[in-house]
Structures are given as structure tokens and as C-alpha cells.
Amino acid sequence: GLHMAITLQYIVSHKGEEKLTTTDKKEADRYDKMLDVADNLADFIGKSDIGIEDSALEELSILLSKEKDSVIKILKGKKINEL
């Protein structure tokens, strides 16, 4: 007969867009937190006098948030080849 499998999926949305679909709750939580940090970074950079388009600001903020461990090391004086 028919066998029905039920899979629990976590969908992370950001500004009405689906960004991640996963069955791993930890991964979903991590990604959600990364997006929150990116939003905070975007607000921080957006308040500065740097003229930057919204799309570039969002991409930059997500990059900095995803790579935060490396960014922290760079801010502490490490060179990119030491990361």
C-alpha cells in the first residue's frame, strides 16, 4: 500500500522572501540569527554617511554576518592570510 512519510521542515523567511528551507532546526536557528545580525549591521552602516545602495548594503551585511569570526579577527589586527 501507500506509505506516507512526514518530514518537518523549517523555513527561514526574511523580508517576505524564503531564504532557507531545512529539516535541521539548529541550522534554521543559526541562519535566522545570522540574518538578525545582518539586519543590525545594515542599520549601523545605513546610519553612516557612506552612500551605499540598499541591495549592496544587504549583501555586505549578510557577508559580514556569515563571516563574523573572520571579521572579528580582522578587526583585532589579523591579516587575511592568518585567518
N, C-alpha and C. Protein backbone atom coordinates (compact mmCIF):
# COMPACT_ATOMS: atom_id res chain seq x y z
N GLY A 1 0.82 -1.20 0.00
CA GLY A 1 0.00 0.00 0.00
C GLY A 1 0.85 1.26 0.00
N LEU A 2 0.19 2.38 0.05
CA LEU A 2 0.90 3.66 0.04
C LEU A 2 1.53 3.93 1.40
N HIS A 3 2.77 4.37 1.36
CA HIS A 3 3.44 4.74 2.62
C HIS A 3 3.65 6.25 2.61
N MET A 4 3.10 6.91 3.62
CA MET A 4 3.22 8.37 3.68
C MET A 4 4.30 8.74 4.70
N ALA A 5 5.23 9.53 4.25
CA ALA A 5 6.27 9.99 5.16
C ALA A 5 6.03 11.46 5.47
N ILE A 6 6.18 11.80 6.73
CA ILE A 6 6.02 13.19 7.13
C ILE A 6 7.39 13.74 7.51
N THR A 7 7.75 14.83 6.87
CA THR A 7 9.03 15.47 7.15
C THR A 7 8.76 16.86 7.69
N LEU A 8 9.37 17.17 8.80
CA LEU A 8 9.25 18.50 9.38
C LEU A 8 10.27 19.42 8.73
N GLN A 9 9.79 20.51 8.16
CA GLN A 9 10.70 21.46 7.51
C GLN A 9 10.65 22.80 8.21
N TYR A 10 11.79 23.42 8.34
CA TYR A 10 11.89 24.77 8.89
C TYR A 10 12.18 25.71 7.74
N ILE A 11 11.36 26.74 7.61
CA ILE A 11 11.56 27.72 6.55
C ILE A 11 11.93 29.04 7.20
N VAL A 12 13.08 29.58 6.81
CA VAL A 12 13.51 30.87 7.34
C VAL A 12 13.19 31.93 6.27
N SER A 13 12.33 32.87 6.64
CA SER A 13 11.96 33.95 5.74
C SER A 13 12.59 35.25 6.22
N HIS A 14 12.89 36.10 5.27
CA HIS A 14 13.47 37.41 5.60
C HIS A 14 12.87 38.43 4.65
N LYS A 15 12.21 39.44 5.21
CA LYS A 15 11.55 40.47 4.40
C LYS A 15 10.62 39.85 3.36
N GLY A 16 9.87 38.83 3.80
CA GLY A 16 8.88 38.20 2.93
C GLY A 16 9.43 37.22 1.91
N GLU A 17 10.74 36.99 1.94
CA GLU A 17 11.37 36.08 0.99
C GLU A 17 11.86 34.84 1.73
N GLU A 18 11.59 33.67 1.14
CA GLU A 18 12.13 32.44 1.72
C GLU A 18 13.62 32.37 1.45
N LYS A 19 14.41 32.28 2.52
CA LYS A 19 15.87 32.28 2.37
C LYS A 19 16.46 30.90 2.57
N LEU A 20 15.81 30.08 3.38
CA LEU A 20 16.38 28.77 3.69
C LEU A 20 15.26 27.82 4.06
N THR A 21 15.33 26.60 3.51
CA THR A 21 14.42 25.53 3.90
C THR A 21 15.29 24.36 4.33
N THR A 22 15.04 23.87 5.53
CA THR A 22 15.88 22.80 6.07
C THR A 22 15.07 21.93 7.02
N THR A 23 15.54 20.71 7.22
CA THR A 23 14.91 19.84 8.21
C THR A 23 15.69 19.91 9.54
N ASP A 24 16.74 20.73 9.56
CA ASP A 24 17.62 20.83 10.73
C ASP A 24 17.30 22.10 11.51
N LYS A 25 16.68 21.92 12.68
CA LYS A 25 16.27 23.08 13.48
C LYS A 25 17.46 23.95 13.88
N LYS A 26 18.59 23.32 14.22
CA LYS A 26 19.78 24.09 14.62
C LYS A 26 20.27 24.97 13.47
N GLU A 27 20.26 24.41 12.26
CA GLU A 27 20.69 25.17 11.08
C GLU A 27 19.74 26.35 10.85
N ALA A 28 18.44 26.10 11.00
CA ALA A 28 17.44 27.16 10.82
C ALA A 28 17.66 28.27 11.85
N ASP A 29 17.88 27.88 13.10
CA ASP A 29 18.11 28.87 14.16
C ASP A 29 19.37 29.68 13.90
N ARG A 30 20.44 28.99 13.48
CA ARG A 30 21.72 29.66 13.16
C ARG A 30 21.53 30.68 12.04
N TYR A 31 20.82 30.26 11.00
CA TYR A 31 20.60 31.12 9.84
C TYR A 31 19.76 32.33 10.21
N ASP A 32 18.72 32.08 11.03
CA ASP A 32 17.84 33.16 11.50
C ASP A 32 18.63 34.19 12.30
N LYS A 33 19.52 33.70 13.17
CA LYS A 33 20.36 34.59 13.98
C LYS A 33 21.32 35.38 13.09
N MET A 34 21.88 34.71 12.08
CA MET A 34 22.78 35.39 11.14
C MET A 34 22.05 36.54 10.44
N LEU A 35 20.79 36.29 10.04
CA LEU A 35 20.01 37.33 9.37
C LEU A 35 19.70 38.49 10.32
N ASP A 36 19.44 38.18 11.60
CA ASP A 36 19.21 39.24 12.59
C ASP A 36 20.44 40.11 12.75
N VAL A 37 21.61 39.48 12.84
CA VAL A 37 22.87 40.21 12.96
C VAL A 37 23.08 41.08 11.71
N ALA A 38 22.79 40.51 10.53
CA ALA A 38 22.93 41.25 9.27
C ALA A 38 22.04 42.49 9.27
N ASP A 39 20.80 42.34 9.77
CA ASP A 39 19.89 43.49 9.85
C ASP A 39 20.47 44.58 10.75
N ASN A 40 21.03 44.18 11.88
CA ASN A 40 21.63 45.15 12.81
C ASN A 40 22.83 45.84 12.17
N LEU A 41 23.64 45.08 11.45
CA LEU A 41 24.78 45.66 10.73
C LEU A 41 24.32 46.64 9.66
N ALA A 42 23.26 46.26 8.93
CA ALA A 42 22.73 47.13 7.88
C ALA A 42 22.23 48.45 8.47
N ASP A 43 21.55 48.37 9.63
CA ASP A 43 21.09 49.59 10.31
C ASP A 43 22.28 50.46 10.70
N PHE A 44 23.31 49.81 11.24
CA PHE A 44 24.51 50.53 11.70
C PHE A 44 25.22 51.23 10.53
N ILE A 45 25.44 50.48 9.44
CA ILE A 45 26.12 51.04 8.28
C ILE A 45 25.23 52.09 7.60
N GLY A 46 23.93 51.81 7.57
CA GLY A 46 22.97 52.72 6.95
C GLY A 46 22.91 54.09 7.62
N LYS A 47 23.22 54.13 8.92
CA LYS A 47 23.20 55.40 9.66
C LYS A 47 24.44 56.25 9.38
N SER A 48 25.45 55.64 8.77
CA SER A 48 26.69 56.37 8.48
C SER A 48 26.50 57.24 7.24
N ASP A 49 27.51 58.00 6.91
CA ASP A 49 27.45 58.88 5.73
C ASP A 49 27.90 58.18 4.45
N ILE A 50 28.11 56.85 4.53
CA ILE A 50 28.56 56.12 3.35
C ILE A 50 27.36 55.97 2.41
N GLY A 51 27.50 56.44 1.20
CA GLY A 51 26.42 56.28 0.23
C GLY A 51 26.47 54.87 -0.34
N ILE A 52 25.52 54.04 0.01
CA ILE A 52 25.53 52.66 -0.45
C ILE A 52 24.10 52.24 -0.79
N GLU A 53 23.93 51.60 -1.93
CA GLU A 53 22.59 51.16 -2.34
C GLU A 53 22.09 50.06 -1.42
N ASP A 54 20.77 50.02 -1.26
CA ASP A 54 20.16 49.04 -0.35
C ASP A 54 20.56 47.60 -0.67
N SER A 55 20.59 47.26 -1.97
CA SER A 55 20.90 45.87 -2.33
C SER A 55 22.34 45.52 -1.96
N ALA A 56 23.27 46.46 -2.20
CA ALA A 56 24.67 46.24 -1.84
C ALA A 56 24.82 46.20 -0.32
N LEU A 57 24.09 47.07 0.36
CA LEU A 57 24.14 47.11 1.83
C LEU A 57 23.68 45.78 2.41
N GLU A 58 22.61 45.22 1.86
CA GLU A 58 22.10 43.94 2.36
C GLU A 58 23.12 42.82 2.10
N GLU A 59 23.69 42.78 0.89
CA GLU A 59 24.68 41.75 0.57
C GLU A 59 25.91 41.86 1.47
N LEU A 60 26.38 43.09 1.66
CA LEU A 60 27.55 43.33 2.51
C LEU A 60 27.27 42.90 3.95
N SER A 61 26.11 43.27 4.45
CA SER A 61 25.74 42.94 5.83
C SER A 61 25.66 41.43 6.04
N ILE A 62 25.09 40.72 5.04
CA ILE A 62 24.98 39.26 5.14
C ILE A 62 26.37 38.62 5.09
N LEU A 63 27.24 39.14 4.21
CA LEU A 63 28.61 38.62 4.14
C LEU A 63 29.33 38.80 5.49
N LEU A 64 29.26 40.00 6.04
CA LEU A 64 29.93 40.27 7.32
C LEU A 64 29.37 39.39 8.43
N SER A 65 28.05 39.17 8.41
CA SER A 65 27.42 38.35 9.44
C SER A 65 27.80 36.88 9.29
N LYS A 66 27.78 36.37 8.04
CA LYS A 66 28.14 34.97 7.80
C LYS A 66 29.59 34.70 8.17
N GLU A 67 30.46 35.69 7.94
CA GLU A 67 31.90 35.52 8.16
C GLU A 67 32.35 36.23 9.42
N LYS A 68 31.44 36.34 10.41
CA LYS A 68 31.75 37.18 11.57
C LYS A 68 33.01 36.77 12.33
N ASP A 69 33.29 35.47 12.39
CA ASP A 69 34.50 35.03 13.10
C ASP A 69 35.76 35.60 12.44
N SER A 70 35.79 35.56 11.10
CA SER A 70 36.94 36.13 10.38
C SER A 70 36.97 37.65 10.52
N VAL A 71 35.79 38.28 10.45
CA VAL A 71 35.72 39.74 10.57
C VAL A 71 36.25 40.19 11.93
N ILE A 72 35.87 39.47 12.98
CA ILE A 72 36.34 39.81 14.33
C ILE A 72 37.87 39.73 14.39
N LYS A 73 38.44 38.68 13.78
CA LYS A 73 39.91 38.54 13.76
C LYS A 73 40.56 39.68 12.99
N ILE A 74 39.96 40.06 11.86
CA ILE A 74 40.49 41.18 11.06
C ILE A 74 40.44 42.47 11.87
N LEU A 75 39.33 42.69 12.56
CA LEU A 75 39.18 43.90 13.39
C LEU A 75 40.21 43.92 14.53
N LYS A 76 40.64 42.75 14.95
CA LYS A 76 41.65 42.66 16.01
C LYS A 76 43.07 42.77 15.47
N GLY A 77 43.20 42.92 14.13
CA GLY A 77 44.53 43.15 13.55
C GLY A 77 45.13 42.01 12.75
N LYS A 78 44.39 40.89 12.64
CA LYS A 78 44.91 39.77 11.83
C LYS A 78 44.87 40.11 10.35
N LYS A 79 45.80 39.54 9.61
CA LYS A 79 45.79 39.68 8.16
C LYS A 79 44.96 38.56 7.55
N ILE A 80 44.49 38.78 6.34
CA ILE A 80 43.57 37.82 5.72
C ILE A 80 44.21 36.44 5.57
N ASN A 81 45.52 36.36 5.38
CA ASN A 81 46.18 35.05 5.23
C ASN A 81 46.42 34.38 6.58
N GLU A 82 46.09 35.05 7.68
CA GLU A 82 46.27 34.46 9.01
C GLU A 82 44.95 33.89 9.56
N LEU A 83 43.88 34.02 8.79
CA LEU A 83 42.56 33.62 9.31
C LEU A 83 42.41 32.11 9.33
